[in-house]
Amino acid sequence: MAAIPAEVSTAWENRKGPVVLTTVDADGNPNAIYATCVSKFSEEIILVADNYFSKTLENILAGSMGSILFITKDTDSYQIKGSIAYHKDGELFDNMKTWNPKKHPGRAAAALKVEEVYKGAERLL
């Protein structure tokens, strides 16, 4: 399994604002959302809480690949791409429930498996 490079792992801890989670539908049409309830589960998996997914959920369940775009406080941008699994129970779901704010439903955890990583246009992985 691919792991986030150390530079990007450090940048993740220095990110600013929400991330952008992008998926595509069966026809290849992109869908992008802001996500604030996110966490690095490991160097291989980024979790996004499904609090209010609609089109995003449809796309994930249809097998969409995804990307997470974030910016740091120093205005460096990073993108992590990979496949997405949807967890309504189990270890990843339980982990999400520990950090997702109680005011949100936390219906499931969308787990993006790290497969490609970019800093701007430069491919790091």
N, C-alpha and C. Protein backbone atom coordinates (compact mmCIF):
# COMPACT_ATOMS: atom_id res chain seq x y z
N MET A 1 0.86 -1.19 0.00
CA MET A 1 0.00 0.00 0.00
C MET A 1 0.89 1.24 0.00
N ALA A 2 0.57 2.23 -0.81
CA ALA A 2 1.33 3.47 -0.89
C ALA A 2 1.14 4.31 0.37
N ALA A 3 2.18 5.03 0.74
CA ALA A 3 2.13 5.87 1.93
C ALA A 3 2.37 7.33 1.54
N ILE A 4 1.77 8.22 2.30
CA ILE A 4 1.95 9.65 2.10
C ILE A 4 3.42 9.99 2.37
N PRO A 5 4.08 10.72 1.45
CA PRO A 5 5.46 11.14 1.72
C PRO A 5 5.52 12.02 2.97
N ALA A 6 6.66 11.97 3.67
CA ALA A 6 6.83 12.71 4.92
C ALA A 6 6.49 14.19 4.77
N GLU A 7 6.90 14.81 3.66
CA GLU A 7 6.61 16.23 3.42
C GLU A 7 5.11 16.50 3.45
N VAL A 8 4.35 15.61 2.84
CA VAL A 8 2.91 15.79 2.76
C VAL A 8 2.24 15.50 4.10
N SER A 9 2.77 14.54 4.81
CA SER A 9 2.24 14.24 6.14
C SER A 9 2.41 15.45 7.06
N THR A 10 3.56 16.10 6.98
CA THR A 10 3.81 17.32 7.75
C THR A 10 2.89 18.44 7.29
N ALA A 11 2.73 18.57 5.98
CA ALA A 11 1.85 19.61 5.42
C ALA A 11 0.41 19.39 5.88
N TRP A 12 -0.03 18.13 5.96
CA TRP A 12 -1.39 17.81 6.42
C TRP A 12 -1.64 18.40 7.81
N GLU A 13 -0.65 18.32 8.66
CA GLU A 13 -0.78 18.85 10.02
C GLU A 13 -0.79 20.38 10.04
N ASN A 14 -0.39 21.00 8.93
CA ASN A 14 -0.31 22.46 8.82
C ASN A 14 -1.36 22.99 7.83
N ARG A 15 -2.41 22.17 7.56
CA ARG A 15 -3.40 22.60 6.56
C ARG A 15 -4.29 23.71 7.10
N LYS A 16 -4.84 24.44 6.16
CA LYS A 16 -5.69 25.59 6.48
C LYS A 16 -7.06 25.39 5.85
N GLY A 17 -8.10 25.54 6.65
CA GLY A 17 -9.46 25.47 6.12
C GLY A 17 -9.88 24.07 5.75
N PRO A 18 -11.04 23.97 5.09
CA PRO A 18 -11.56 22.65 4.69
C PRO A 18 -10.76 22.07 3.54
N VAL A 19 -10.90 20.78 3.34
CA VAL A 19 -10.34 20.13 2.16
C VAL A 19 -11.42 20.12 1.09
N VAL A 20 -11.02 19.85 -0.14
CA VAL A 20 -11.96 19.64 -1.23
C VAL A 20 -11.90 18.17 -1.59
N LEU A 21 -13.04 17.49 -1.50
CA LEU A 21 -13.14 16.08 -1.88
C LEU A 21 -13.85 16.02 -3.22
N THR A 22 -13.21 15.37 -4.18
CA THR A 22 -13.76 15.27 -5.52
C THR A 22 -13.99 13.80 -5.88
N THR A 23 -15.16 13.54 -6.46
CA THR A 23 -15.50 12.22 -6.99
C THR A 23 -16.05 12.43 -8.40
N VAL A 24 -16.31 11.34 -9.10
CA VAL A 24 -16.93 11.43 -10.43
C VAL A 24 -18.09 10.45 -10.50
N ASP A 25 -19.09 10.79 -11.32
CA ASP A 25 -20.21 9.87 -11.49
C ASP A 25 -19.90 8.88 -12.61
N ALA A 26 -20.84 8.01 -12.89
CA ALA A 26 -20.64 6.95 -13.89
C ALA A 26 -20.35 7.50 -15.29
N ASP A 27 -20.80 8.73 -15.56
CA ASP A 27 -20.56 9.35 -16.86
C ASP A 27 -19.28 10.19 -16.87
N GLY A 28 -18.55 10.21 -15.76
CA GLY A 28 -17.30 10.96 -15.69
C GLY A 28 -17.47 12.41 -15.29
N ASN A 29 -18.68 12.79 -14.85
CA ASN A 29 -18.91 14.17 -14.42
C ASN A 29 -18.38 14.36 -13.00
N PRO A 30 -17.53 15.37 -12.80
CA PRO A 30 -16.96 15.57 -11.47
C PRO A 30 -17.96 16.19 -10.49
N ASN A 31 -17.74 15.88 -9.23
CA ASN A 31 -18.50 16.47 -8.12
C ASN A 31 -17.48 16.81 -7.04
N ALA A 32 -17.47 18.06 -6.61
CA ALA A 32 -16.52 18.50 -5.58
C ALA A 32 -17.29 19.10 -4.42
N ILE A 33 -16.83 18.76 -3.21
CA ILE A 33 -17.44 19.30 -2.00
C ILE A 33 -16.34 19.77 -1.05
N TYR A 34 -16.68 20.74 -0.21
CA TYR A 34 -15.80 21.09 0.90
C TYR A 34 -16.09 20.11 2.03
N ALA A 35 -15.03 19.67 2.69
CA ALA A 35 -15.20 18.77 3.83
C ALA A 35 -14.34 19.28 4.98
N THR A 36 -14.98 19.47 6.13
CA THR A 36 -14.24 19.93 7.30
C THR A 36 -13.98 18.80 8.28
N CYS A 37 -14.74 17.74 8.20
CA CYS A 37 -14.60 16.63 9.14
C CYS A 37 -13.74 15.55 8.48
N VAL A 38 -12.43 15.74 8.57
CA VAL A 38 -11.46 14.85 7.94
C VAL A 38 -10.35 14.52 8.93
N SER A 39 -9.69 13.38 8.70
CA SER A 39 -8.60 12.98 9.58
C SER A 39 -7.69 12.01 8.83
N LYS A 40 -6.41 12.08 9.13
CA LYS A 40 -5.46 11.10 8.59
C LYS A 40 -5.50 9.90 9.52
N PHE A 41 -6.06 8.80 9.06
CA PHE A 41 -6.14 7.58 9.87
C PHE A 41 -4.76 6.94 9.98
N SER A 42 -4.04 6.94 8.84
CA SER A 42 -2.69 6.39 8.78
C SER A 42 -1.98 7.07 7.62
N GLU A 43 -0.76 6.68 7.36
CA GLU A 43 -0.03 7.26 6.23
C GLU A 43 -0.57 6.72 4.90
N GLU A 44 -1.50 5.78 4.97
CA GLU A 44 -2.08 5.18 3.76
C GLU A 44 -3.55 5.53 3.54
N ILE A 45 -4.22 6.05 4.57
CA ILE A 45 -5.67 6.28 4.49
C ILE A 45 -6.06 7.63 5.09
N ILE A 46 -6.84 8.39 4.32
CA ILE A 46 -7.45 9.63 4.80
C ILE A 46 -8.94 9.36 4.95
N LEU A 47 -9.50 9.72 6.10
CA LEU A 47 -10.94 9.53 6.34
C LEU A 47 -11.69 10.85 6.20
N VAL A 48 -12.87 10.76 5.60
CA VAL A 48 -13.80 11.89 5.52
C VAL A 48 -15.12 11.39 6.09
N ALA A 49 -15.66 12.12 7.07
CA ALA A 49 -16.93 11.73 7.65
C ALA A 49 -18.07 12.02 6.68
N ASP A 50 -18.93 11.03 6.49
CA ASP A 50 -20.15 11.26 5.71
C ASP A 50 -21.19 11.82 6.66
N ASN A 51 -21.27 13.12 6.67
CA ASN A 51 -22.30 13.77 7.47
C ASN A 51 -23.50 14.14 6.62
N TYR A 52 -23.24 14.59 5.40
CA TYR A 52 -24.33 15.07 4.54
C TYR A 52 -24.10 14.75 3.07
N PHE A 53 -23.40 13.67 2.75
CA PHE A 53 -23.14 13.30 1.36
C PHE A 53 -24.45 13.05 0.62
N SER A 54 -24.50 13.42 -0.63
CA SER A 54 -25.61 13.10 -1.52
C SER A 54 -25.01 12.56 -2.81
N LYS A 55 -24.66 13.46 -3.75
CA LYS A 55 -24.00 13.01 -4.99
C LYS A 55 -22.68 12.31 -4.69
N THR A 56 -21.97 12.80 -3.70
CA THR A 56 -20.70 12.17 -3.31
C THR A 56 -20.92 10.72 -2.93
N LEU A 57 -21.95 10.45 -2.15
CA LEU A 57 -22.26 9.08 -1.74
C LEU A 57 -22.60 8.22 -2.95
N GLU A 58 -23.45 8.74 -3.83
CA GLU A 58 -23.80 7.99 -5.04
C GLU A 58 -22.55 7.62 -5.82
N ASN A 59 -21.64 8.57 -5.96
CA ASN A 59 -20.42 8.33 -6.73
C ASN A 59 -19.53 7.29 -6.06
N ILE A 60 -19.36 7.39 -4.74
CA ILE A 60 -18.53 6.43 -4.02
C ILE A 60 -19.11 5.02 -4.15
N LEU A 61 -20.41 4.89 -3.97
CA LEU A 61 -21.04 3.57 -4.06
C LEU A 61 -20.98 3.00 -5.47
N ALA A 62 -20.84 3.88 -6.47
CA ALA A 62 -20.71 3.42 -7.86
C ALA A 62 -19.25 3.10 -8.22
N GLY A 63 -18.33 3.25 -7.25
CA GLY A 63 -16.94 2.88 -7.50
C GLY A 63 -16.02 4.01 -7.91
N SER A 64 -16.43 5.24 -7.67
CA SER A 64 -15.62 6.40 -8.05
C SER A 64 -14.26 6.41 -7.38
N MET A 65 -13.27 6.82 -8.13
CA MET A 65 -11.98 7.21 -7.55
C MET A 65 -12.21 8.59 -6.95
N GLY A 66 -11.28 9.06 -6.15
CA GLY A 66 -11.45 10.38 -5.55
C GLY A 66 -10.13 11.10 -5.39
N SER A 67 -10.26 12.36 -5.05
CA SER A 67 -9.08 13.15 -4.72
C SER A 67 -9.42 14.09 -3.57
N ILE A 68 -8.41 14.35 -2.76
CA ILE A 68 -8.52 15.32 -1.68
C ILE A 68 -7.49 16.40 -1.95
N LEU A 69 -7.95 17.63 -2.01
CA LEU A 69 -7.10 18.78 -2.25
C LEU A 69 -7.10 19.62 -0.98
N PHE A 70 -5.89 20.01 -0.55
CA PHE A 70 -5.82 20.89 0.62
C PHE A 70 -4.69 21.89 0.45
N ILE A 71 -4.78 22.96 1.20
CA ILE A 71 -3.78 24.02 1.17
C ILE A 71 -3.24 24.20 2.58
N THR A 72 -1.96 24.58 2.67
CA THR A 72 -1.36 24.79 3.98
C THR A 72 -1.42 26.27 4.35
N LYS A 73 -1.07 26.54 5.60
CA LYS A 73 -1.01 27.94 6.07
C LYS A 73 0.04 28.72 5.30
N ASP A 74 1.01 28.02 4.70
CA ASP A 74 2.04 28.67 3.87
C ASP A 74 1.62 28.75 2.41
N THR A 75 0.37 28.40 2.11
CA THR A 75 -0.26 28.42 0.78
C THR A 75 0.32 27.42 -0.21
N ASP A 76 0.92 26.33 0.28
CA ASP A 76 1.31 25.23 -0.60
C ASP A 76 0.08 24.35 -0.78
N SER A 77 -0.14 23.87 -2.00
CA SER A 77 -1.30 23.01 -2.23
C SER A 77 -0.84 21.58 -2.50
N TYR A 78 -1.64 20.64 -2.00
CA TYR A 78 -1.35 19.21 -2.13
C TYR A 78 -2.63 18.50 -2.56
N GLN A 79 -2.45 17.43 -3.34
CA GLN A 79 -3.58 16.62 -3.76
C GLN A 79 -3.23 15.15 -3.54
N ILE A 80 -4.16 14.44 -2.95
CA ILE A 80 -4.01 13.00 -2.71
C ILE A 80 -5.13 12.32 -3.49
N LYS A 81 -4.75 11.35 -4.33
CA LYS A 81 -5.72 10.64 -5.17
C LYS A 81 -5.73 9.16 -4.82
N GLY A 82 -6.90 8.54 -4.99
CA GLY A 82 -6.99 7.10 -4.78
C GLY A 82 -8.40 6.58 -4.80
N SER A 83 -8.52 5.30 -4.54
CA SER A 83 -9.83 4.67 -4.48
C SER A 83 -10.47 4.99 -3.13
N ILE A 84 -11.80 4.90 -3.10
CA ILE A 84 -12.54 5.24 -1.88
C ILE A 84 -13.40 4.06 -1.46
N ALA A 85 -13.30 3.70 -0.20
CA ALA A 85 -14.17 2.66 0.38
C ALA A 85 -15.10 3.34 1.38
N TYR A 86 -16.28 2.79 1.53
CA TYR A 86 -17.31 3.39 2.38
C TYR A 86 -17.57 2.45 3.55
N HIS A 87 -17.36 2.94 4.77
CA HIS A 87 -17.46 2.09 5.97
C HIS A 87 -18.57 2.58 6.90
N LYS A 88 -19.59 1.73 7.10
CA LYS A 88 -20.69 2.04 8.01
C LYS A 88 -20.52 1.37 9.36
N ASP A 89 -19.45 0.60 9.50
CA ASP A 89 -19.10 -0.02 10.77
C ASP A 89 -17.64 -0.45 10.70
N GLY A 90 -17.14 -0.99 11.78
CA GLY A 90 -15.76 -1.46 11.80
C GLY A 90 -14.77 -0.41 12.30
N GLU A 91 -13.49 -0.74 12.21
CA GLU A 91 -12.42 0.08 12.78
C GLU A 91 -12.39 1.51 12.24
N LEU A 92 -12.51 1.69 10.92
CA LEU A 92 -12.45 3.04 10.35
C LEU A 92 -13.67 3.87 10.75
N PHE A 93 -14.84 3.24 10.76
CA PHE A 93 -16.05 3.93 11.21
C PHE A 93 -15.91 4.33 12.68
N ASP A 94 -15.46 3.41 13.51
CA ASP A 94 -15.31 3.69 14.94
C ASP A 94 -14.31 4.83 15.16
N ASN A 95 -13.22 4.84 14.39
CA ASN A 95 -12.25 5.92 14.50
C ASN A 95 -12.89 7.26 14.16
N MET A 96 -13.65 7.30 13.07
CA MET A 96 -14.31 8.55 12.66
C MET A 96 -15.23 9.06 13.76
N LYS A 97 -15.91 8.17 14.44
CA LYS A 97 -16.84 8.58 15.50
C LYS A 97 -16.12 9.26 16.66
N THR A 98 -14.81 9.01 16.83
CA THR A 98 -14.07 9.62 17.94
C THR A 98 -13.73 11.08 17.69
N TRP A 99 -13.62 11.52 16.42
CA TRP A 99 -13.25 12.90 16.13
C TRP A 99 -14.33 13.70 15.41
N ASN A 100 -15.31 13.04 14.85
CA ASN A 100 -16.39 13.76 14.17
C ASN A 100 -17.25 14.48 15.22
N PRO A 101 -17.51 15.78 15.05
CA PRO A 101 -18.31 16.51 16.06
C PRO A 101 -19.67 15.85 16.28
N LYS A 102 -20.07 15.76 17.53
CA LYS A 102 -21.33 15.10 17.90
C LYS A 102 -22.56 15.76 17.26
N LYS A 103 -22.43 17.04 16.88
CA LYS A 103 -23.57 17.73 16.26
C LYS A 103 -23.85 17.23 14.84
N HIS A 104 -22.93 16.46 14.26
CA HIS A 104 -23.11 15.90 12.91
C HIS A 104 -23.45 14.42 13.01
N PRO A 105 -24.19 13.89 12.03
CA PRO A 105 -24.64 12.50 12.13
C PRO A 105 -23.56 11.43 12.00
N GLY A 106 -22.49 11.70 11.27
CA GLY A 106 -21.44 10.68 11.11
C GLY A 106 -21.99 9.35 10.62
N ARG A 107 -22.67 9.38 9.48
CA ARG A 107 -23.33 8.18 8.96
C ARG A 107 -22.36 7.09 8.55
N ALA A 108 -21.17 7.50 8.09
CA ALA A 108 -20.16 6.54 7.65
C ALA A 108 -18.82 7.25 7.49
N ALA A 109 -17.79 6.46 7.28
CA ALA A 109 -16.46 7.00 7.02
C ALA A 109 -16.07 6.65 5.59
N ALA A 110 -15.77 7.66 4.80
CA ALA A 110 -15.24 7.45 3.45
C ALA A 110 -13.72 7.42 3.58
N ALA A 111 -13.12 6.30 3.19
CA ALA A 111 -11.68 6.10 3.35
C ALA A 111 -11.00 6.17 1.99
N LEU A 112 -10.23 7.24 1.78
CA LEU A 112 -9.47 7.38 0.55
C LEU A 112 -8.12 6.70 0.74
N LYS A 113 -7.85 5.69 -0.09
CA LYS A 113 -6.60 4.95 -0.03
C LYS A 113 -5.57 5.68 -0.89
N VAL A 114 -4.46 6.07 -0.29
CA VAL A 114 -3.44 6.85 -0.99
C VAL A 114 -2.84 6.04 -2.14
N GLU A 115 -2.94 6.61 -3.37
CA GLU A 115 -2.35 5.96 -4.53
C GLU A 115 -1.45 6.91 -5.32
N GLU A 116 -1.79 8.20 -5.32
CA GLU A 116 -0.98 9.23 -5.97
C GLU A 116 -0.98 10.46 -5.08
N VAL A 117 0.14 11.19 -5.08
CA VAL A 117 0.24 12.40 -4.27
C VAL A 117 0.96 13.47 -5.09
N TYR A 118 0.44 14.70 -5.04
CA TYR A 118 1.01 15.84 -5.77
C TYR A 118 1.20 17.02 -4.86
N LYS A 119 2.24 17.79 -5.15
CA LYS A 119 2.42 19.12 -4.58
C LYS A 119 2.33 20.06 -5.77
N GLY A 120 1.24 20.81 -5.86
CA GLY A 120 0.99 21.58 -7.08
C GLY A 120 0.92 20.60 -8.23
N ALA A 121 1.70 20.85 -9.30
CA ALA A 121 1.70 19.96 -10.46
C ALA A 121 2.76 18.86 -10.35
N GLU A 122 3.58 18.89 -9.31
CA GLU A 122 4.68 17.93 -9.16
C GLU A 122 4.19 16.65 -8.51
N ARG A 123 4.37 15.55 -9.20
CA ARG A 123 3.97 14.25 -8.64
C ARG A 123 5.03 13.79 -7.65
N LEU A 124 4.58 13.53 -6.42
CA LEU A 124 5.49 13.06 -5.37
C LEU A 124 5.41 11.55 -5.19
N LEU A 125 4.29 10.96 -5.57
CA LEU A 125 4.07 9.52 -5.43
C LEU A 125 3.17 9.04 -6.54
